Amino acid sequence: MEQFLRIGSVTQPHGVHGELKVYPLTDDPRRFGDLEEVILEKGPRRETKAIEQVRYFKNMVLLKLEGIDDMDEANRFRSWDIIIPREKGVPLKENEYYTADLIGISVFTEDGKQLGTLKDVIKTGANDVYSVQSDEYGEVLIPAVKACIIDVDVTAARMTVHLLPGLIDEKRR
């Protein structure tokens, strides 16, 4: 399991006083208001910064972080990720998972046949959709609903699914 959770990505500076415009990668962007500090990450570089102010603008989060006081300094963090330690993550309810724990797990059909590897979680609004890369079928899109998802075992990195009619292209066989 990942030690850190990616909760946002810096898109650009906002204004002249060092605010960062952040695209949230969390189900609840208001969660930034509960944090005291964040870690900025790009490749192997990491910098921990205390949060001075959080504002919300349209679908973005505006962060004022300690030590970033002008547009030039804020521009240095363009395209950096914002991560937090796993223990600072929002507590999960039953049958909820962090996206970072799902990416890369093996996906099997209910009869035990390996379908492929989960490559992406697509947020659609109504429900998530799991993108599974299959050697046999190419990309398979599986709705993250009870009718399709039988079991998820993050520790074993394994998901079992029920494929509803039409989810795979039988012609690819």
N, C-alpha and C. Protein backbone atom coordinates (compact mmCIF):
# COMPACT_ATOMS: atom_id res chain seq x y z
N MET A 1 0.83 -1.19 0.00
CA MET A 1 0.00 0.00 0.00
C MET A 1 0.87 1.25 0.00
N GLU A 2 0.34 2.25 -0.64
CA GLU A 2 1.05 3.52 -0.72
C GLU A 2 1.11 4.18 0.67
N GLN A 3 2.27 4.79 0.99
CA GLN A 3 2.41 5.50 2.26
C GLN A 3 1.78 6.88 2.19
N PHE A 4 1.72 7.44 0.98
CA PHE A 4 1.19 8.79 0.80
C PHE A 4 0.02 8.75 -0.18
N LEU A 5 -0.90 9.69 0.01
CA LEU A 5 -2.06 9.80 -0.86
C LEU A 5 -1.97 11.12 -1.62
N ARG A 6 -2.15 11.06 -2.92
CA ARG A 6 -2.12 12.25 -3.75
C ARG A 6 -3.52 12.87 -3.71
N ILE A 7 -3.61 14.12 -3.24
CA ILE A 7 -4.92 14.76 -3.09
C ILE A 7 -5.10 15.96 -4.00
N GLY A 8 -4.04 16.35 -4.72
CA GLY A 8 -4.16 17.49 -5.60
C GLY A 8 -2.95 17.66 -6.49
N SER A 9 -3.12 18.54 -7.48
CA SER A 9 -2.04 18.85 -8.40
C SER A 9 -2.04 20.36 -8.64
N VAL A 10 -0.89 20.98 -8.46
CA VAL A 10 -0.77 22.43 -8.65
C VAL A 10 -0.82 22.73 -10.14
N THR A 11 -1.74 23.61 -10.53
CA THR A 11 -1.85 23.95 -11.95
C THR A 11 -1.08 25.21 -12.30
N GLN A 12 -1.16 26.23 -11.40
CA GLN A 12 -0.49 27.50 -11.68
C GLN A 12 -0.59 28.40 -10.46
N PRO A 13 0.17 29.51 -10.46
CA PRO A 13 0.01 30.49 -9.40
C PRO A 13 -1.35 31.18 -9.53
N HIS A 14 -1.82 31.74 -8.43
CA HIS A 14 -3.06 32.52 -8.45
C HIS A 14 -2.77 33.85 -7.78
N GLY A 15 -2.78 34.91 -8.56
CA GLY A 15 -2.51 36.24 -8.01
C GLY A 15 -1.02 36.48 -7.79
N VAL A 16 -0.72 37.57 -7.12
CA VAL A 16 0.67 37.99 -6.94
C VAL A 16 1.23 37.70 -5.54
N HIS A 17 0.40 37.12 -4.66
CA HIS A 17 0.84 36.93 -3.27
C HIS A 17 1.23 35.49 -2.95
N GLY A 18 1.44 34.67 -3.98
CA GLY A 18 1.97 33.33 -3.76
C GLY A 18 0.96 32.23 -3.58
N GLU A 19 -0.31 32.49 -3.86
CA GLU A 19 -1.29 31.41 -3.77
C GLU A 19 -1.08 30.42 -4.91
N LEU A 20 -1.40 29.16 -4.62
CA LEU A 20 -1.32 28.11 -5.63
C LEU A 20 -2.73 27.69 -6.02
N LYS A 21 -2.97 27.56 -7.32
CA LYS A 21 -4.24 27.04 -7.79
C LYS A 21 -4.06 25.53 -7.91
N VAL A 22 -4.92 24.78 -7.20
CA VAL A 22 -4.76 23.33 -7.10
C VAL A 22 -5.99 22.63 -7.66
N TYR A 23 -5.75 21.66 -8.55
CA TYR A 23 -6.83 20.81 -9.03
C TYR A 23 -6.97 19.67 -8.02
N PRO A 24 -8.12 19.57 -7.34
CA PRO A 24 -8.27 18.55 -6.30
C PRO A 24 -8.43 17.15 -6.89
N LEU A 25 -7.77 16.19 -6.29
CA LEU A 25 -7.86 14.78 -6.69
C LEU A 25 -8.44 13.97 -5.54
N THR A 26 -9.43 14.53 -4.92
CA THR A 26 -10.09 13.92 -3.77
C THR A 26 -11.59 14.08 -3.96
N ASP A 27 -12.35 13.18 -3.40
CA ASP A 27 -13.80 13.25 -3.54
C ASP A 27 -14.39 14.49 -2.87
N ASP A 28 -13.72 14.98 -1.83
CA ASP A 28 -14.22 16.14 -1.10
C ASP A 28 -13.14 17.21 -1.01
N PRO A 29 -13.12 18.17 -1.94
CA PRO A 29 -12.09 19.22 -1.92
C PRO A 29 -12.08 20.03 -0.62
N ARG A 30 -13.19 20.07 0.10
CA ARG A 30 -13.24 20.83 1.36
C ARG A 30 -12.32 20.22 2.42
N ARG A 31 -11.83 19.00 2.15
CA ARG A 31 -10.94 18.35 3.11
C ARG A 31 -9.62 19.11 3.27
N PHE A 32 -9.26 19.96 2.29
CA PHE A 32 -8.05 20.77 2.41
C PHE A 32 -8.14 21.68 3.63
N GLY A 33 -9.35 22.11 3.97
CA GLY A 33 -9.55 22.98 5.13
C GLY A 33 -9.26 22.31 6.46
N ASP A 34 -9.22 20.98 6.48
CA ASP A 34 -8.94 20.24 7.72
C ASP A 34 -7.46 19.96 7.93
N LEU A 35 -6.64 20.29 6.94
CA LEU A 35 -5.22 19.98 7.02
C LEU A 35 -4.41 21.16 7.55
N GLU A 36 -3.36 20.86 8.30
CA GLU A 36 -2.45 21.90 8.79
C GLU A 36 -1.27 22.09 7.87
N GLU A 37 -0.87 21.01 7.17
CA GLU A 37 0.26 21.07 6.25
C GLU A 37 0.07 20.07 5.13
N VAL A 38 0.80 20.28 4.04
CA VAL A 38 0.80 19.36 2.91
C VAL A 38 2.24 19.16 2.46
N ILE A 39 2.43 18.15 1.65
CA ILE A 39 3.74 17.89 1.06
C ILE A 39 3.63 18.12 -0.44
N LEU A 40 4.50 18.97 -0.95
CA LEU A 40 4.59 19.20 -2.39
C LEU A 40 5.63 18.23 -2.93
N GLU A 41 5.28 17.54 -4.03
CA GLU A 41 6.16 16.51 -4.56
C GLU A 41 6.26 16.61 -6.07
N LYS A 42 7.49 16.50 -6.57
CA LYS A 42 7.74 16.40 -8.00
C LYS A 42 8.94 15.48 -8.18
N GLY A 43 8.65 14.29 -8.72
CA GLY A 43 9.72 13.29 -8.85
C GLY A 43 10.25 12.94 -7.47
N PRO A 44 11.57 12.98 -7.29
CA PRO A 44 12.14 12.64 -5.98
C PRO A 44 12.14 13.80 -4.97
N ARG A 45 11.76 15.01 -5.43
CA ARG A 45 11.81 16.18 -4.55
C ARG A 45 10.52 16.30 -3.76
N ARG A 46 10.66 16.60 -2.48
CA ARG A 46 9.51 16.83 -1.60
C ARG A 46 9.80 18.02 -0.69
N GLU A 47 8.75 18.83 -0.52
CA GLU A 47 8.84 19.96 0.41
C GLU A 47 7.56 20.01 1.22
N THR A 48 7.69 20.02 2.55
CA THR A 48 6.55 20.11 3.45
C THR A 48 6.30 21.58 3.75
N LYS A 49 5.03 21.99 3.61
CA LYS A 49 4.67 23.40 3.84
C LYS A 49 3.42 23.47 4.70
N ALA A 50 3.43 24.39 5.65
CA ALA A 50 2.25 24.65 6.47
C ALA A 50 1.24 25.43 5.65
N ILE A 51 -0.04 25.13 5.88
CA ILE A 51 -1.12 25.83 5.18
C ILE A 51 -1.48 27.08 5.97
N GLU A 52 -1.45 28.23 5.29
CA GLU A 52 -1.84 29.49 5.92
C GLU A 52 -3.30 29.81 5.64
N GLN A 53 -3.77 29.48 4.43
CA GLN A 53 -5.14 29.80 4.07
C GLN A 53 -5.61 28.86 2.96
N VAL A 54 -6.90 28.51 3.02
CA VAL A 54 -7.54 27.70 1.98
C VAL A 54 -8.77 28.45 1.50
N ARG A 55 -8.89 28.59 0.17
CA ARG A 55 -10.08 29.19 -0.42
C ARG A 55 -10.52 28.28 -1.57
N TYR A 56 -11.74 28.45 -1.98
CA TYR A 56 -12.28 27.62 -3.06
C TYR A 56 -12.76 28.54 -4.18
N PHE A 57 -12.41 28.18 -5.40
CA PHE A 57 -12.78 28.99 -6.57
C PHE A 57 -13.19 28.05 -7.69
N LYS A 58 -14.49 28.08 -8.02
CA LYS A 58 -15.05 27.16 -9.02
C LYS A 58 -14.74 25.73 -8.60
N ASN A 59 -14.07 24.97 -9.45
CA ASN A 59 -13.75 23.58 -9.10
C ASN A 59 -12.32 23.43 -8.58
N MET A 60 -11.70 24.54 -8.20
CA MET A 60 -10.31 24.53 -7.78
C MET A 60 -10.17 24.90 -6.30
N VAL A 61 -9.00 24.56 -5.75
CA VAL A 61 -8.65 24.94 -4.38
C VAL A 61 -7.50 25.94 -4.48
N LEU A 62 -7.62 27.04 -3.77
CA LEU A 62 -6.55 28.03 -3.72
C LEU A 62 -5.85 27.90 -2.38
N LEU A 63 -4.56 27.57 -2.42
CA LEU A 63 -3.78 27.37 -1.20
C LEU A 63 -2.73 28.45 -1.05
N LYS A 64 -2.68 29.02 0.15
CA LYS A 64 -1.58 29.92 0.52
C LYS A 64 -0.74 29.13 1.51
N LEU A 65 0.49 28.84 1.10
CA LEU A 65 1.38 28.03 1.92
C LEU A 65 2.52 28.88 2.49
N GLU A 66 2.95 28.52 3.68
CA GLU A 66 4.04 29.22 4.35
C GLU A 66 5.30 29.22 3.49
N GLY A 67 5.91 30.40 3.36
CA GLY A 67 7.17 30.52 2.62
C GLY A 67 7.01 30.73 1.13
N ILE A 68 5.79 30.71 0.63
CA ILE A 68 5.54 31.01 -0.78
C ILE A 68 4.77 32.33 -0.80
N ASP A 69 5.50 33.43 -1.05
CA ASP A 69 4.93 34.75 -0.84
C ASP A 69 4.80 35.62 -2.09
N ASP A 70 5.20 35.09 -3.25
CA ASP A 70 5.03 35.86 -4.48
C ASP A 70 4.78 34.93 -5.65
N MET A 71 4.42 35.54 -6.77
CA MET A 71 4.06 34.76 -7.96
C MET A 71 5.24 33.94 -8.48
N ASP A 72 6.44 34.48 -8.43
CA ASP A 72 7.60 33.75 -8.93
C ASP A 72 7.85 32.48 -8.12
N GLU A 73 7.77 32.59 -6.81
CA GLU A 73 7.97 31.40 -5.96
C GLU A 73 6.84 30.41 -6.18
N ALA A 74 5.61 30.89 -6.31
CA ALA A 74 4.47 30.00 -6.56
C ALA A 74 4.63 29.30 -7.91
N ASN A 75 5.14 29.99 -8.90
CA ASN A 75 5.32 29.40 -10.23
C ASN A 75 6.31 28.23 -10.22
N ARG A 76 7.22 28.24 -9.27
CA ARG A 76 8.19 27.15 -9.13
C ARG A 76 7.49 25.82 -8.85
N PHE A 77 6.30 25.85 -8.27
CA PHE A 77 5.59 24.63 -7.90
C PHE A 77 4.54 24.20 -8.93
N ARG A 78 4.51 24.86 -10.07
CA ARG A 78 3.61 24.47 -11.15
C ARG A 78 3.86 23.00 -11.51
N SER A 79 2.77 22.22 -11.61
CA SER A 79 2.80 20.79 -11.97
C SER A 79 3.33 19.88 -10.85
N TRP A 80 3.48 20.40 -9.65
CA TRP A 80 3.85 19.54 -8.53
C TRP A 80 2.58 18.90 -7.97
N ASP A 81 2.73 17.71 -7.41
CA ASP A 81 1.62 17.03 -6.74
C ASP A 81 1.54 17.46 -5.29
N ILE A 82 0.35 17.39 -4.73
CA ILE A 82 0.16 17.62 -3.30
C ILE A 82 -0.22 16.27 -2.70
N ILE A 83 0.60 15.84 -1.74
CA ILE A 83 0.38 14.55 -1.10
C ILE A 83 0.28 14.73 0.41
N ILE A 84 -0.30 13.73 1.05
CA ILE A 84 -0.38 13.71 2.51
C ILE A 84 -0.06 12.30 2.97
N PRO A 85 0.40 12.15 4.20
CA PRO A 85 0.60 10.80 4.73
C PRO A 85 -0.74 10.07 4.81
N ARG A 86 -0.71 8.77 4.58
CA ARG A 86 -1.92 7.95 4.59
C ARG A 86 -2.76 8.17 5.86
N GLU A 87 -2.10 8.32 6.99
CA GLU A 87 -2.85 8.47 8.25
C GLU A 87 -3.64 9.78 8.33
N LYS A 88 -3.33 10.73 7.46
CA LYS A 88 -4.08 11.99 7.40
C LYS A 88 -5.24 11.90 6.41
N GLY A 89 -5.38 10.75 5.74
CA GLY A 89 -6.46 10.57 4.77
C GLY A 89 -7.82 10.51 5.44
N VAL A 90 -8.85 10.76 4.67
CA VAL A 90 -10.22 10.68 5.16
C VAL A 90 -10.53 9.22 5.51
N PRO A 91 -11.11 8.97 6.69
CA PRO A 91 -11.47 7.58 7.02
C PRO A 91 -12.44 7.01 5.99
N LEU A 92 -12.20 5.78 5.61
CA LEU A 92 -13.04 5.14 4.60
C LEU A 92 -14.19 4.37 5.24
N LYS A 93 -15.31 4.37 4.53
CA LYS A 93 -16.45 3.57 4.96
C LYS A 93 -16.32 2.17 4.36
N GLU A 94 -17.24 1.30 4.70
CA GLU A 94 -17.23 -0.04 4.15
C GLU A 94 -17.36 0.03 2.63
N ASN A 95 -16.58 -0.80 1.95
CA ASN A 95 -16.54 -0.87 0.48
C ASN A 95 -16.07 0.42 -0.19
N GLU A 96 -15.27 1.22 0.51
CA GLU A 96 -14.61 2.38 -0.07
C GLU A 96 -13.11 2.12 -0.05
N TYR A 97 -12.41 2.63 -1.08
CA TYR A 97 -10.98 2.37 -1.21
C TYR A 97 -10.31 3.62 -1.73
N TYR A 98 -9.05 3.79 -1.35
CA TYR A 98 -8.26 4.87 -1.93
C TYR A 98 -7.87 4.44 -3.34
N THR A 99 -7.99 5.36 -4.28
CA THR A 99 -7.64 5.06 -5.67
C THR A 99 -6.22 4.52 -5.77
N ALA A 100 -5.30 5.07 -5.00
CA ALA A 100 -3.91 4.63 -5.03
C ALA A 100 -3.78 3.15 -4.69
N ASP A 101 -4.69 2.61 -3.89
CA ASP A 101 -4.63 1.19 -3.52
C ASP A 101 -5.23 0.29 -4.59
N LEU A 102 -6.04 0.86 -5.48
CA LEU A 102 -6.68 0.06 -6.52
C LEU A 102 -5.84 -0.04 -7.80
N ILE A 103 -5.14 1.02 -8.13
CA ILE A 103 -4.34 1.03 -9.36
C ILE A 103 -3.29 -0.07 -9.28
N GLY A 104 -3.29 -0.91 -10.31
CA GLY A 104 -2.28 -1.98 -10.39
C GLY A 104 -2.72 -3.33 -9.87
N ILE A 105 -3.92 -3.41 -9.25
CA ILE A 105 -4.32 -4.72 -8.73
C ILE A 105 -4.81 -5.61 -9.87
N SER A 106 -4.73 -6.92 -9.65
CA SER A 106 -5.17 -7.91 -10.64
C SER A 106 -6.68 -8.08 -10.55
N VAL A 107 -7.31 -8.15 -11.71
CA VAL A 107 -8.76 -8.29 -11.77
C VAL A 107 -9.10 -9.66 -12.36
N PHE A 108 -9.98 -10.39 -11.64
CA PHE A 108 -10.38 -11.73 -12.04
C PHE A 108 -11.89 -11.77 -12.22
N THR A 109 -12.35 -12.63 -13.11
CA THR A 109 -13.79 -12.85 -13.26
C THR A 109 -14.24 -13.79 -12.15
N GLU A 110 -15.53 -13.89 -11.95
CA GLU A 110 -16.07 -14.71 -10.87
C GLU A 110 -15.75 -16.19 -11.03
N ASP A 111 -15.40 -16.64 -12.25
CA ASP A 111 -15.02 -18.04 -12.44
C ASP A 111 -13.52 -18.26 -12.27
N GLY A 112 -12.80 -17.22 -11.79
CA GLY A 112 -11.38 -17.35 -11.46
C GLY A 112 -10.42 -17.04 -12.59
N LYS A 113 -10.91 -16.64 -13.74
CA LYS A 113 -10.05 -16.32 -14.88
C LYS A 113 -9.51 -14.90 -14.74
N GLN A 114 -8.20 -14.74 -14.95
CA GLN A 114 -7.62 -13.40 -14.85
C GLN A 114 -8.06 -12.57 -16.04
N LEU A 115 -8.68 -11.43 -15.75
CA LEU A 115 -9.16 -10.52 -16.79
C LEU A 115 -8.06 -9.54 -17.19
N GLY A 116 -7.35 -8.99 -16.20
CA GLY A 116 -6.31 -8.01 -16.49
C GLY A 116 -5.90 -7.25 -15.25
N THR A 117 -5.41 -6.02 -15.47
CA THR A 117 -4.90 -5.17 -14.40
C THR A 117 -5.67 -3.86 -14.39
N LEU A 118 -6.08 -3.42 -13.20
CA LEU A 118 -6.79 -2.15 -13.07
C LEU A 118 -5.79 -1.02 -13.30
N LYS A 119 -6.06 -0.21 -14.32
CA LYS A 119 -5.14 0.86 -14.72
C LYS A 119 -5.59 2.24 -14.29
N ASP A 120 -6.92 2.44 -14.15
CA ASP A 120 -7.40 3.78 -13.85
C ASP A 120 -8.78 3.70 -13.20
N VAL A 121 -9.09 4.71 -12.40
CA VAL A 121 -10.43 4.86 -11.83
C VAL A 121 -10.99 6.15 -12.42
N ILE A 122 -12.07 6.01 -13.17
CA ILE A 122 -12.67 7.15 -13.85
C ILE A 122 -13.86 7.65 -13.02
N LYS A 123 -13.83 8.92 -12.67
CA LYS A 123 -14.91 9.54 -11.91
C LYS A 123 -15.97 10.03 -12.88
N THR A 124 -17.19 9.50 -12.77
CA THR A 124 -18.24 9.89 -13.71
C THR A 124 -19.34 10.72 -13.07
N GLY A 125 -19.36 10.80 -11.77
CA GLY A 125 -20.43 11.52 -11.08
C GLY A 125 -21.40 10.55 -10.45
N ALA A 126 -22.01 9.69 -11.26
CA ALA A 126 -22.97 8.72 -10.73
C ALA A 126 -22.25 7.63 -9.96
N ASN A 127 -21.26 7.03 -10.56
CA ASN A 127 -20.43 6.01 -9.91
C ASN A 127 -19.08 5.99 -10.61
N ASP A 128 -18.08 5.46 -9.93
CA ASP A 128 -16.78 5.33 -10.57
C ASP A 128 -16.84 4.22 -11.61
N VAL A 129 -15.90 4.26 -12.54
CA VAL A 129 -15.75 3.20 -13.53
C VAL A 129 -14.29 2.77 -13.49
N TYR A 130 -14.07 1.45 -13.40
CA TYR A 130 -12.72 0.90 -13.36
C TYR A 130 -12.28 0.56 -14.78
N SER A 131 -11.13 1.08 -15.17
CA SER A 131 -10.53 0.78 -16.47
C SER A 131 -9.54 -0.36 -16.26
N VAL A 132 -9.84 -1.51 -16.87
CA VAL A 132 -9.00 -2.69 -16.73
C VAL A 132 -8.33 -2.96 -18.07
N GLN A 133 -7.00 -3.10 -18.04
CA GLN A 133 -6.27 -3.44 -19.26
C GLN A 133 -6.16 -4.95 -19.34
N SER A 134 -6.76 -5.51 -20.40
CA SER A 134 -6.81 -6.96 -20.59
C SER A 134 -6.04 -7.34 -21.85
N ASP A 135 -5.19 -8.36 -21.76
CA ASP A 135 -4.47 -8.84 -22.94
C ASP A 135 -5.46 -9.38 -23.97
N GLU A 136 -6.52 -9.98 -23.50
CA GLU A 136 -7.49 -10.62 -24.39
C GLU A 136 -8.49 -9.65 -24.99
N TYR A 137 -8.93 -8.65 -24.21
CA TYR A 137 -10.03 -7.78 -24.65
C TYR A 137 -9.65 -6.31 -24.81
N GLY A 138 -8.42 -5.94 -24.55
CA GLY A 138 -8.03 -4.52 -24.58
C GLY A 138 -8.55 -3.83 -23.32
N GLU A 139 -9.01 -2.59 -23.44
CA GLU A 139 -9.54 -1.87 -22.29
C GLU A 139 -10.96 -2.34 -22.01
N VAL A 140 -11.20 -2.73 -20.76
CA VAL A 140 -12.53 -3.14 -20.32
C VAL A 140 -12.97 -2.14 -19.26
N LEU A 141 -14.13 -1.51 -19.45
CA LEU A 141 -14.66 -0.53 -18.50
C LEU A 141 -15.73 -1.21 -17.66
N ILE A 142 -15.50 -1.23 -16.34
CA ILE A 142 -16.40 -1.92 -15.42
C ILE A 142 -16.96 -0.92 -14.43
N PRO A 143 -18.28 -0.74 -14.38
CA PRO A 143 -18.87 0.17 -13.40
C PRO A 143 -18.60 -0.32 -11.98
N ALA A 144 -18.25 0.59 -11.10
CA ALA A 144 -17.97 0.24 -9.71
C ALA A 144 -19.29 0.22 -8.93
N VAL A 145 -20.10 -0.79 -9.24
CA VAL A 145 -21.40 -0.97 -8.59
C VAL A 145 -21.47 -2.41 -8.07
N LYS A 146 -22.35 -2.63 -7.09
CA LYS A 146 -22.46 -3.95 -6.47
C LYS A 146 -22.76 -5.06 -7.46
N ALA A 147 -23.49 -4.76 -8.52
CA ALA A 147 -23.83 -5.78 -9.52
C ALA A 147 -22.59 -6.29 -10.25
N CYS A 148 -21.51 -5.50 -10.28
CA CYS A 148 -20.30 -5.89 -11.01
C CYS A 148 -19.12 -6.25 -10.12
N ILE A 149 -18.99 -5.58 -8.99
CA ILE A 149 -17.82 -5.78 -8.13
C ILE A 149 -18.19 -6.77 -7.03
N ILE A 150 -17.64 -7.98 -7.12
CA ILE A 150 -17.96 -9.02 -6.15
C ILE A 150 -17.10 -8.89 -4.90
N ASP A 151 -15.80 -8.66 -5.10
CA ASP A 151 -14.89 -8.61 -3.95
C ASP A 151 -13.67 -7.76 -4.30
N VAL A 152 -13.19 -7.01 -3.33
CA VAL A 152 -11.95 -6.27 -3.47
C VAL A 152 -11.10 -6.60 -2.25
N ASP A 153 -9.90 -7.13 -2.50
CA ASP A 153 -8.95 -7.44 -1.44
C ASP A 153 -7.69 -6.64 -1.71
N VAL A 154 -7.61 -5.46 -1.11
CA VAL A 154 -6.49 -4.56 -1.35
C VAL A 154 -5.19 -5.20 -0.86
N THR A 155 -5.22 -5.90 0.26
CA THR A 155 -4.02 -6.52 0.80
C THR A 155 -3.45 -7.55 -0.17
N ALA A 156 -4.31 -8.35 -0.79
CA ALA A 156 -3.88 -9.36 -1.75
C ALA A 156 -3.76 -8.79 -3.16
N ALA A 157 -4.09 -7.50 -3.34
CA ALA A 157 -4.05 -6.83 -4.64
C ALA A 157 -4.88 -7.60 -5.67
N ARG A 158 -6.12 -7.89 -5.29
CA ARG A 158 -6.99 -8.71 -6.14
C ARG A 158 -8.43 -8.21 -6.09
N MET A 159 -9.07 -8.15 -7.26
CA MET A 159 -10.47 -7.78 -7.37
C MET A 159 -11.18 -8.87 -8.17
N THR A 160 -12.39 -9.23 -7.72
CA THR A 160 -13.20 -10.20 -8.44
C THR A 160 -14.44 -9.48 -8.96
N VAL A 161 -14.73 -9.68 -10.25
CA VAL A 161 -15.83 -8.96 -10.89
C VAL A 161 -16.80 -9.91 -11.59
N HIS A 162 -18.01 -9.43 -11.72
CA HIS A 162 -19.03 -10.08 -12.53
C HIS A 162 -19.20 -9.22 -13.77
N LEU A 163 -18.98 -9.82 -14.95
CA LEU A 163 -19.07 -9.06 -16.20
C LEU A 163 -20.49 -9.11 -16.73
N LEU A 164 -21.16 -7.99 -16.67
CA LEU A 164 -22.50 -7.90 -17.24
C LEU A 164 -22.41 -8.01 -18.76
N PRO A 165 -23.45 -8.48 -19.42
CA PRO A 165 -23.44 -8.57 -20.88
C PRO A 165 -23.11 -7.22 -21.50
N GLY A 166 -22.21 -7.24 -22.50
CA GLY A 166 -21.84 -6.03 -23.22
C GLY A 166 -20.59 -5.34 -22.68
N LEU A 167 -20.06 -5.77 -21.55
CA LEU A 167 -18.89 -5.11 -21.00
C LEU A 167 -17.60 -5.51 -21.72
N ILE A 168 -17.58 -6.69 -22.33
CA ILE A 168 -16.39 -7.09 -23.09
C ILE A 168 -16.78 -7.31 -24.54
N ASP A 169 -15.80 -7.14 -25.40
CA ASP A 169 -16.01 -7.34 -26.83
C ASP A 169 -15.61 -8.77 -27.17
N GLU A 170 -16.58 -9.65 -27.27
CA GLU A 170 -16.32 -11.07 -27.53
C GLU A 170 -15.63 -11.28 -28.88
N LYS A 171 -15.74 -10.32 -29.79
CA LYS A 171 -15.15 -10.46 -31.11
C LYS A 171 -13.62 -10.40 -31.06
N ARG A 172 -13.08 -9.84 -29.97
CA ARG A 172 -11.62 -9.70 -29.86
C ARG A 172 -10.93 -11.02 -29.58
N ARG A 173 -11.68 -12.04 -29.20
CA ARG A 173 -11.08 -13.32 -28.85
C ARG A 173 -10.33 -13.92 -30.00
